[in-house]
């Protein structure tokens, strides 16, 4: 069971990082890559926040006893 919790934690951290990138691109704060279709699109802000929340939940499950 320990390996599953470790994998959940790693996936959770990755989801938080990717979701943060999406949200910041949607808010037009991070402009990388410069020709991205996600820049300034609030749909990607919402999607990023949803992915961040799911990542936090995965980390929470991985930390439970």
PDB file of N, CA and C in Angstrom:
ATOM      1  N   UNK A   1       0.815  -1.191   0.000  1.00  0.00           N
ATOM      2  CA  UNK A   1       0.000   0.000   0.000  1.00  0.00           C
ATOM      3  C   UNK A   1       0.863   1.261   0.000  1.00  0.00           C
ATOM      4  N   UNK A   2       2.080   1.138   0.489  1.00  0.00           N
ATOM      5  CA  UNK A   2       2.967   2.286   0.539  1.00  0.00           C
ATOM      6  C   UNK A   2       3.359   2.789  -0.839  1.00  0.00           C
ATOM      7  N   UNK A   3       3.515   1.874  -1.790  1.00  0.00           N
ATOM      8  CA  UNK A   3       3.892   2.279  -3.146  1.00  0.00           C
ATOM      9  C   UNK A   3       2.753   3.048  -3.814  1.00  0.00           C
ATOM     10  N   UNK A   4       1.522   2.636  -3.555  1.00  0.00           N
ATOM     11  CA  UNK A   4       0.364   3.323  -4.145  1.00  0.00           C
ATOM     12  C   UNK A   4       0.273   4.740  -3.587  1.00  0.00           C
ATOM     13  N   UNK A   5       0.504   4.885  -2.295  1.00  0.00           N
ATOM     14  CA  UNK A   5       0.455   6.218  -1.691  1.00  0.00           C
ATOM     15  C   UNK A   5       1.566   7.110  -2.238  1.00  0.00           C
ATOM     16  N   UNK A   6       2.730   6.548  -2.471  1.00  0.00           N
ATOM     17  CA  UNK A   6       3.830   7.326  -3.044  1.00  0.00           C
ATOM     18  C   UNK A   6       3.474   7.790  -4.449  1.00  0.00           C
ATOM     19  N   UNK A   7       2.904   6.902  -5.234  1.00  0.00           N
ATOM     20  CA  UNK A   7       2.509   7.258  -6.603  1.00  0.00           C
ATOM     21  C   UNK A   7       1.422   8.324  -6.573  1.00  0.00           C
ATOM     22  N   UNK A   8       0.447   8.191  -5.656  1.00  0.00           N
ATOM     23  CA  UNK A   8      -0.596   9.214  -5.534  1.00  0.00           C
ATOM     24  C   UNK A   8       0.004  10.568  -5.188  1.00  0.00           C
ATOM     25  N   UNK A   9       0.987  10.575  -4.311  1.00  0.00           N
ATOM     26  CA  UNK A   9       1.635  11.833  -3.944  1.00  0.00           C
ATOM     27  C   UNK A   9       2.371  12.467  -5.109  1.00  0.00           C
ATOM     28  N   UNK A  10       3.079  11.663  -5.864  1.00  0.00           N
ATOM     29  CA  UNK A  10       3.824  12.175  -7.016  1.00  0.00           C
ATOM     30  C   UNK A  10       2.870  12.710  -8.082  1.00  0.00           C
ATOM     31  N   UNK A  11       1.812  11.960  -8.360  1.00  0.00           N
ATOM     32  CA  UNK A  11       0.827  12.411  -9.343  1.00  0.00           C
ATOM     33  C   UNK A  11       0.142  13.688  -8.858  1.00  0.00           C
ATOM     34  N   UNK A  12      -0.137  13.770  -7.558  1.00  0.00           N
ATOM     35  CA  UNK A  12      -0.749  14.969  -6.996  1.00  0.00           C
ATOM     36  C   UNK A  12       0.125  16.197  -7.164  1.00  0.00           C
ATOM     37  N   UNK A  13       1.410  16.055  -6.893  1.00  0.00           N
ATOM     38  CA  UNK A  13       2.339  17.180  -7.055  1.00  0.00           C
ATOM     39  C   UNK A  13       2.419  17.591  -8.525  1.00  0.00           C
ATOM     40  N   UNK A  14       2.487  16.607  -9.415  1.00  0.00           N
ATOM     41  CA  UNK A  14       2.541  16.917 -10.846  1.00  0.00           C
ATOM     42  C   UNK A  14       1.272  17.645 -11.292  1.00  0.00           C
ATOM     43  N   UNK A  15       0.125  17.230 -10.770  1.00  0.00           N
ATOM     44  CA  UNK A  15      -1.128  17.884 -11.141  1.00  0.00           C
ATOM     45  C   UNK A  15      -1.177  19.323 -10.630  1.00  0.00           C
ATOM     46  N   UNK A  16      -0.643  19.561  -9.438  1.00  0.00           N
ATOM     47  CA  UNK A  16      -0.609  20.925  -8.908  1.00  0.00           C
ATOM     48  C   UNK A  16       0.281  21.808  -9.781  1.00  0.00           C
ATOM     49  N   UNK A  17       1.422  21.288 -10.192  1.00  0.00           N
ATOM     50  CA  UNK A  17       2.330  22.079 -11.029  1.00  0.00           C
ATOM     51  C   UNK A  17       1.722  22.380 -12.403  1.00  0.00           C
ATOM     52  N   UNK A  18       1.148  21.364 -13.030  1.00  0.00           N
ATOM     53  CA  UNK A  18       0.538  21.559 -14.354  1.00  0.00           C
ATOM     54  C   UNK A  18      -0.681  22.468 -14.247  1.00  0.00           C
ATOM     55  N   UNK A  19      -1.501  22.252 -13.235  1.00  0.00           N
ATOM     56  CA  UNK A  19      -2.673  23.103 -13.037  1.00  0.00           C
ATOM     57  C   UNK A  19      -2.292  24.554 -12.787  1.00  0.00           C
ATOM     58  N   UNK A  20      -1.217  24.750 -12.031  1.00  0.00           N
ATOM     59  CA  UNK A  20      -0.740  26.113 -11.795  1.00  0.00           C
ATOM     60  C   UNK A  20      -0.285  26.783 -13.074  1.00  0.00           C
ATOM     61  N   UNK A  21       0.417  26.029 -13.911  1.00  0.00           N
ATOM     62  CA  UNK A  21       0.849  26.572 -15.202  1.00  0.00           C
ATOM     63  C   UNK A  21      -0.353  26.950 -16.047  1.00  0.00           C
ATOM     64  N   UNK A  22      -1.345  26.058 -16.116  1.00  0.00           N
ATOM     65  CA  UNK A  22      -2.550  26.336 -16.911  1.00  0.00           C
ATOM     66  C   UNK A  22      -3.274  27.564 -16.389  1.00  0.00           C
ATOM     67  N   UNK A  23      -3.437  27.649 -15.066  1.00  0.00           N
ATOM     68  CA  UNK A  23      -4.164  28.780 -14.484  1.00  0.00           C
ATOM     69  C   UNK A  23      -3.431  30.092 -14.755  1.00  0.00           C
ATOM     70  N   UNK A  24      -2.120  30.097 -14.593  1.00  0.00           N
ATOM     71  CA  UNK A  24      -1.355  31.321 -14.818  1.00  0.00           C
ATOM     72  C   UNK A  24      -1.307  31.704 -16.295  1.00  0.00           C
ATOM     73  N   UNK A  25      -1.308  30.723 -17.178  1.00  0.00           N
ATOM     74  CA  UNK A  25      -1.400  31.034 -18.603  1.00  0.00           C
ATOM     75  C   UNK A  25      -2.781  31.586 -18.933  1.00  0.00           C
ATOM     76  N   UNK A  26      -3.810  31.029 -18.334  1.00  0.00           N
ATOM     77  CA  UNK A  26      -5.165  31.529 -18.568  1.00  0.00           C
ATOM     78  C   UNK A  26      -5.348  32.950 -18.073  1.00  0.00           C
ATOM     79  N   UNK A  27      -4.657  33.293 -16.989  1.00  0.00           N
ATOM     80  CA  UNK A  27      -4.714  34.655 -16.463  1.00  0.00           C
ATOM     81  C   UNK A  27      -3.753  35.595 -17.190  1.00  0.00           C
ATOM     82  N   UNK A  28      -3.001  35.053 -18.133  1.00  0.00           N
ATOM     83  CA  UNK A  28      -2.035  35.820 -18.932  1.00  0.00           C
ATOM     84  C   UNK A  28      -0.887  36.359 -18.076  1.00  0.00           C
ATOM     85  N   UNK A  29      -0.545  35.615 -17.034  1.00  0.00           N
ATOM     86  CA  UNK A  29       0.591  35.992 -16.183  1.00  0.00           C
ATOM     87  C   UNK A  29       1.870  35.345 -16.719  1.00  0.00           C
ATOM     88  N   UNK A  30       1.778  34.076 -17.073  1.00  0.00           N
ATOM     89  CA  UNK A  30       2.911  33.380 -17.697  1.00  0.00           C
ATOM     90  C   UNK A  30       2.638  33.337 -19.192  1.00  0.00           C
ATOM     91  N   UNK A  31       3.542  33.888 -19.966  1.00  0.00           N
ATOM     92  CA  UNK A  31       3.375  33.939 -21.415  1.00  0.00           C
ATOM     93  C   UNK A  31       4.360  32.988 -22.096  1.00  0.00           C
ATOM     94  N   UNK A  32       4.325  31.716 -21.691  1.00  0.00           N
ATOM     95  CA  UNK A  32       5.208  30.719 -22.245  1.00  0.00           C
ATOM     96  C   UNK A  32       4.399  29.507 -22.635  1.00  0.00           C
ATOM     97  N   UNK A  33       4.550  28.998 -23.801  1.00  0.00           N
ATOM     98  CA  UNK A  33       5.229  29.572 -24.960  1.00  0.00           C
ATOM     99  C   UNK A  33       4.455  30.768 -25.510  1.00  0.00           C
ATOM    100  N   UNK A  34       5.153  31.629 -26.186  1.00  0.00           N
ATOM    101  CA  UNK A  34       4.585  32.902 -26.613  1.00  0.00           C
ATOM    102  C   UNK A  34       3.398  32.743 -27.566  1.00  0.00           C
ATOM    103  N   UNK A  35       3.331  31.642 -28.281  1.00  0.00           N
ATOM    104  CA  UNK A  35       2.252  31.457 -29.255  1.00  0.00           C
ATOM    105  C   UNK A  35       1.187  30.473 -28.758  1.00  0.00           C
ATOM    106  N   UNK A  36       1.081  30.295 -27.452  1.00  0.00           N
ATOM    107  CA  UNK A  36       0.141  29.321 -26.902  1.00  0.00           C
ATOM    108  C   UNK A  36      -1.303  29.793 -27.059  1.00  0.00           C
ATOM    109  N   UNK A  37      -2.190  28.859 -27.375  1.00  0.00           N
ATOM    110  CA  UNK A  37      -3.608  29.171 -27.501  1.00  0.00           C
ATOM    111  C   UNK A  37      -4.264  29.362 -26.132  1.00  0.00           C
ATOM    112  N   UNK A  38      -3.552  29.054 -25.064  1.00  0.00           N
ATOM    113  CA  UNK A  38      -4.113  29.129 -23.719  1.00  0.00           C
ATOM    114  C   UNK A  38      -3.983  30.523 -23.105  1.00  0.00           C
ATOM    115  N   UNK A  39      -3.162  31.369 -23.697  1.00  0.00           N
ATOM    116  CA  UNK A  39      -2.881  32.671 -23.107  1.00  0.00           C
ATOM    117  C   UNK A  39      -4.118  33.553 -23.091  1.00  0.00           C
ATOM    118  N   UNK A  40      -4.458  34.071 -21.906  1.00  0.00           N
ATOM    119  CA  UNK A  40      -5.568  34.992 -21.775  1.00  0.00           C
ATOM    120  C   UNK A  40      -6.945  34.358 -21.886  1.00  0.00           C
ATOM    121  N   UNK A  41      -7.032  33.033 -21.880  1.00  0.00           N
ATOM    122  CA  UNK A  41      -8.310  32.332 -21.999  1.00  0.00           C
ATOM    123  C   UNK A  41      -8.725  31.841 -20.610  1.00  0.00           C
ATOM    124  N   UNK A  42      -9.806  32.422 -20.073  1.00  0.00           N
ATOM    125  CA  UNK A  42     -10.213  32.085 -18.707  1.00  0.00           C
ATOM    126  C   UNK A  42     -10.699  30.646 -18.558  1.00  0.00           C
ATOM    127  N   UNK A  43     -11.009  29.998 -19.660  1.00  0.00           N
ATOM    128  CA  UNK A  43     -11.362  28.575 -19.592  1.00  0.00           C
ATOM    129  C   UNK A  43     -10.197  27.784 -19.017  1.00  0.00           C
ATOM    130  N   UNK A  44      -8.980  28.149 -19.407  1.00  0.00           N
ATOM    131  CA  UNK A  44      -7.802  27.441 -18.906  1.00  0.00           C
ATOM    132  C   UNK A  44      -7.503  27.796 -17.461  1.00  0.00           C
ATOM    133  N   UNK A  45      -7.927  28.971 -17.026  1.00  0.00           N
ATOM    134  CA  UNK A  45      -7.799  29.310 -15.613  1.00  0.00           C
ATOM    135  C   UNK A  45      -8.677  28.376 -14.789  1.00  0.00           C
ATOM    136  N   UNK A  46      -9.914  28.212 -15.221  1.00  0.00           N
ATOM    137  CA  UNK A  46     -10.841  27.308 -14.519  1.00  0.00           C
ATOM    138  C   UNK A  46     -10.326  25.871 -14.539  1.00  0.00           C
ATOM    139  N   UNK A  47      -9.887  25.402 -15.704  1.00  0.00           N
ATOM    140  CA  UNK A  47      -9.369  24.040 -15.802  1.00  0.00           C
ATOM    141  C   UNK A  47      -8.162  23.845 -14.899  1.00  0.00           C
ATOM    142  N   UNK A  48      -7.287  24.836 -14.852  1.00  0.00           N
ATOM    143  CA  UNK A  48      -6.109  24.750 -14.005  1.00  0.00           C
ATOM    144  C   UNK A  48      -6.454  24.659 -12.534  1.00  0.00           C
ATOM    145  N   UNK A  49      -7.431  25.445 -12.103  1.00  0.00           N
ATOM    146  CA  UNK A  49      -7.846  25.407 -10.698  1.00  0.00           C
ATOM    147  C   UNK A  49      -8.466  24.058 -10.358  1.00  0.00           C
ATOM    148  N   UNK A  50      -9.252  23.496 -11.263  1.00  0.00           N
ATOM    149  CA  UNK A  50      -9.844  22.172 -11.032  1.00  0.00           C
ATOM    150  C   UNK A  50      -8.742  21.121 -10.899  1.00  0.00           C
ATOM    151  N   UNK A  51      -7.742  21.175 -11.756  1.00  0.00           N
ATOM    152  CA  UNK A  51      -6.639  20.211 -11.702  1.00  0.00           C
ATOM    153  C   UNK A  51      -5.846  20.386 -10.404  1.00  0.00           C
ATOM    154  N   UNK A  52      -5.661  21.625  -9.958  1.00  0.00           N
ATOM    155  CA  UNK A  52      -4.965  21.877  -8.695  1.00  0.00           C
ATOM    156  C   UNK A  52      -5.736  21.256  -7.533  1.00  0.00           C
ATOM    157  N   UNK A  53      -7.040  21.441  -7.506  1.00  0.00           N
ATOM    158  CA  UNK A  53      -7.856  20.883  -6.419  1.00  0.00           C
ATOM    159  C   UNK A  53      -7.779  19.363  -6.415  1.00  0.00           C
ATOM    160  N   UNK A  54      -7.841  18.750  -7.582  1.00  0.00           N
ATOM    161  CA  UNK A  54      -7.728  17.287  -7.650  1.00  0.00           C
ATOM    162  C   UNK A  54      -6.351  16.847  -7.160  1.00  0.00           C
ATOM    163  N   UNK A  55      -5.307  17.580  -7.514  1.00  0.00           N
ATOM    164  CA  UNK A  55      -3.961  17.258  -7.042  1.00  0.00           C
ATOM    165  C   UNK A  55      -3.849  17.354  -5.534  1.00  0.00           C
ATOM    166  N   UNK A  56      -4.468  18.375  -4.943  1.00  0.00           N
ATOM    167  CA  UNK A  56      -4.452  18.519  -3.483  1.00  0.00           C
ATOM    168  C   UNK A  56      -5.181  17.350  -2.828  1.00  0.00           C
ATOM    169  N   UNK A  57      -6.312  16.940  -3.402  1.00  0.00           N
ATOM    170  CA  UNK A  57      -7.052  15.801  -2.855  1.00  0.00           C
ATOM    171  C   UNK A  57      -6.213  14.526  -2.945  1.00  0.00           C
ATOM    172  N   UNK A  58      -5.514  14.328  -4.047  1.00  0.00           N
ATOM    173  CA  UNK A  58      -4.656  13.142  -4.170  1.00  0.00           C
ATOM    174  C   UNK A  58      -3.546  13.149  -3.122  1.00  0.00           C
ATOM    175  N   UNK A  59      -2.952  14.299  -2.895  1.00  0.00           N
ATOM    176  CA  UNK A  59      -1.912  14.386  -1.874  1.00  0.00           C
ATOM    177  C   UNK A  59      -2.504  14.127  -0.490  1.00  0.00           C
ATOM    178  N   UNK A  60      -3.702  14.654  -0.256  1.00  0.00           N
ATOM    179  CA  UNK A  60      -4.351  14.424   1.032  1.00  0.00           C
ATOM    180  C   UNK A  60      -4.588  12.929   1.248  1.00  0.00           C
ATOM    181  N   UNK A  61      -5.081  12.227   0.217  1.00  0.00           N
ATOM    182  CA  UNK A  61      -5.280  10.782   0.333  1.00  0.00           C
ATOM    183  C   UNK A  61      -3.963  10.041   0.535  1.00  0.00           C
ATOM    184  N   UNK A  62      -2.913  10.505  -0.098  1.00  0.00           N
ATOM    185  CA  UNK A  62      -1.631   9.818   0.032  1.00  0.00           C
ATOM    186  C   UNK A  62      -1.024  10.014   1.408  1.00  0.00           C
ATOM    187  N   UNK A  63      -1.407  11.073   2.117  1.00  0.00           N
ATOM    188  CA  UNK A  63      -0.857  11.362   3.431  1.00  0.00           C
ATOM    189  C   UNK A  63      -1.660  10.751   4.571  1.00  0.00           C
ATOM    190  N   UNK A  64      -2.872  10.240   4.276  1.00  0.00           N
ATOM    191  CA  UNK A  64      -3.716   9.629   5.310  1.00  0.00           C
ATOM    192  C   UNK A  64      -3.106   8.311   5.760  1.00  0.00           C
ATOM    193  N   UNK A  65      -3.384   7.956   6.979  1.00  0.00           N
ATOM    194  CA  UNK A  65      -2.878   6.680   7.527  1.00  0.00           C
ATOM    195  C   UNK A  65      -3.800   5.550   7.226  1.00  0.00           C
TER     196      UNK A  65
END
